[in-house]
Amino acid sequence: PHAELGDAGATKIADVLRKNQFLEVLILGGQSIGPDGAEALGVALNRHTRLQELHLHKNRLGFFGVQRMSRVLAEAWSAHSSRPGNKVIRVLVLRDNGIAPCCGDCALCRGGAGFPL
């Protein structure tokens, strides 16, 4: 067995991601990350310029976690910016998180049909 990060650990990883722009793949499967951790990761990755794959399979995101993460990933960088959110992530794995194959009500479902749920 391994120690699970949970929301607190995901938030600490998000803090590191704000400073580390070199990481291209992040695998956090089975870490008991919930909606708070998902949102923290989304905020950090909104401005990340290199990360192309984020694996969050087998966590506790649920519908609200995916909704919160997708909202902050898609936000513009500032109120006066036309710069959209993260356009670098190509693979986002969300399977086994207690969500339907497509909720239809979040930015990922509306604009990211290529993301494997």
Foldseek 3Di string as FASTA:
>chain_A
DDAACELVNLLVVLVVLLVDLPDAEDAREQRQYELNSLLSNLQSQQPRDHHAYYHHHHYQHAPNSVQNSQVSQQPAPDPPDPRGTDPRHDEYHYHNHHYDQAPPPHNCRVPPPNYGD
